[in-house]
Protein backbone atom coordinates (compact mmCIF):
# COMPACT_ATOMS: atom_id res chain seq x y z
CA MET A 1 -10.62 4.91 -1.38
CA LYS A 2 -9.45 1.49 -0.28
CA MET A 3 -5.67 1.14 -0.09
CA LEU A 4 -3.59 -1.95 0.51
CA LEU A 5 -0.29 -1.77 2.36
CA ILE A 6 2.01 -4.75 1.83
CA ASP A 7 4.90 -4.63 4.29
CA GLY A 8 6.68 -7.52 5.96
CA ASN A 9 7.70 -5.34 8.92
CA THR A 10 4.57 -5.56 11.07
CA LYS A 11 6.11 -3.37 13.78
CA GLU A 12 5.79 -0.32 11.50
CA PHE A 13 2.04 -0.67 10.95
CA PRO A 14 1.07 1.70 13.84
CA ALA A 15 3.26 4.42 12.30
CA TYR A 16 1.46 3.99 8.97
CA LEU A 17 -1.90 4.34 10.70
CA GLU A 18 -0.72 7.46 12.52
CA ASN A 19 0.31 9.07 9.24
CA MET A 20 -2.94 8.02 7.54
CA ALA A 21 -4.93 9.76 10.28
CA LYS A 22 -3.41 13.08 9.17
CA ILE A 23 -4.95 12.85 5.71
CA ALA A 24 -8.26 14.64 5.37
CA GLN A 25 -9.79 12.19 2.92
CA PRO A 26 -11.92 9.13 3.54
CA LEU A 27 -9.45 6.28 3.19
CA GLU A 28 -9.50 2.67 4.25
CA LEU A 29 -6.10 1.09 4.83
CA LEU A 30 -5.89 -2.67 4.52
CA TYR A 31 -2.71 -4.45 5.53
CA THR A 32 -0.95 -7.67 4.60
CA ASP A 33 2.57 -8.76 5.40
CA THR A 34 3.19 -10.98 2.35
CA ILE A 35 2.78 -10.65 -1.40
CA GLU A 36 0.65 -13.80 -1.49
CA ALA A 37 -1.82 -12.35 1.04
CA GLY A 38 -1.78 -9.07 -0.86
CA LEU A 39 -2.58 -10.78 -4.15
CA ARG A 40 -5.52 -12.56 -2.51
CA GLN A 41 -6.81 -9.22 -1.22
CA ILE A 42 -6.43 -7.60 -4.65
CA LYS A 43 -8.36 -10.48 -6.25
CA LYS A 44 -11.30 -9.66 -3.96
CA GLY A 45 -11.53 -6.27 -5.72
CA GLY A 46 -12.06 -2.73 -4.60
CA ILE A 47 -8.40 -1.79 -4.07
CA GLY A 48 -7.54 1.61 -5.55
CA LEU A 49 -3.89 1.84 -4.55
CA VAL A 50 -1.16 -0.49 -3.32
CA LEU A 51 1.65 0.72 -1.06
CA LEU A 52 4.49 -1.76 -1.51
CA ALA A 53 7.24 -1.55 1.08
CA GLY A 54 10.83 -2.61 1.49
CA PRO A 55 12.22 -5.84 0.13
CA LEU A 56 8.90 -6.59 -1.57
CA PHE A 57 9.59 -4.03 -4.34
CA SER A 58 10.68 -6.78 -6.70
CA SER A 59 7.23 -8.35 -6.41
CA GLY A 60 5.53 -5.37 -8.04
CA ASN A 61 5.37 -7.23 -11.33
CA ARG A 62 3.22 -9.95 -9.77
CA ILE A 63 0.73 -7.28 -8.79
CA ARG A 64 0.87 -5.66 -12.24
CA ASP A 65 0.29 -9.07 -13.86
CA LEU A 66 -2.84 -9.49 -11.74
CA ASP A 67 -4.15 -5.95 -12.29
CA PRO A 68 -2.21 -3.83 -14.80
CA ASP A 69 -4.28 -0.72 -14.04
CA LEU A 70 -3.74 -0.79 -10.28
CA LYS A 71 -1.59 2.06 -9.05
CA ILE A 72 1.43 0.89 -7.03
CA ILE A 73 3.59 3.17 -4.90
CA GLU A 74 6.86 1.72 -3.69
CA ILE A 75 7.87 3.04 -0.28
CA SER A 76 10.70 2.35 2.12
CA GLY A 77 8.59 2.74 5.27
CA PRO A 78 6.16 5.01 7.12
CA LYS A 79 8.68 7.87 7.15
CA ASP A 80 9.28 7.69 3.40
CA LYS A 81 8.68 11.08 1.79
CA VAL A 82 6.51 9.46 -0.88
CA PHE A 83 4.26 7.93 1.78
CA LEU A 84 4.04 11.15 3.75
CA ASN A 85 3.04 13.02 0.59
CA PHE A 86 1.18 10.24 -1.19
CA LYS A 87 -2.15 12.09 -1.11
CA GLU A 88 -0.83 13.83 -4.24
CA CYS A 89 -0.71 10.39 -5.86
CA ILE A 90 -4.37 9.65 -5.16
CA ALA A 91 -5.75 12.94 -6.46
């Protein structure tokens, strides 16, 4: 599955990758730091899940307008319980 992480805090990206490595499923994590870049990535196709972090939560509607069927998980960061247990969301 191809996932897109949209998070303006680029310093946290290594922590996301570390947590992703613990998941025993073939996943590809793409990363953008702005909603605009994320929307461009979504338009390219192939994204199965969007992880939307921090102050970007309010932009979820822009993603839903672009692709109403795309699953979006709002997270507060790489230590967010939802992110750490998100493999339940992709089952």
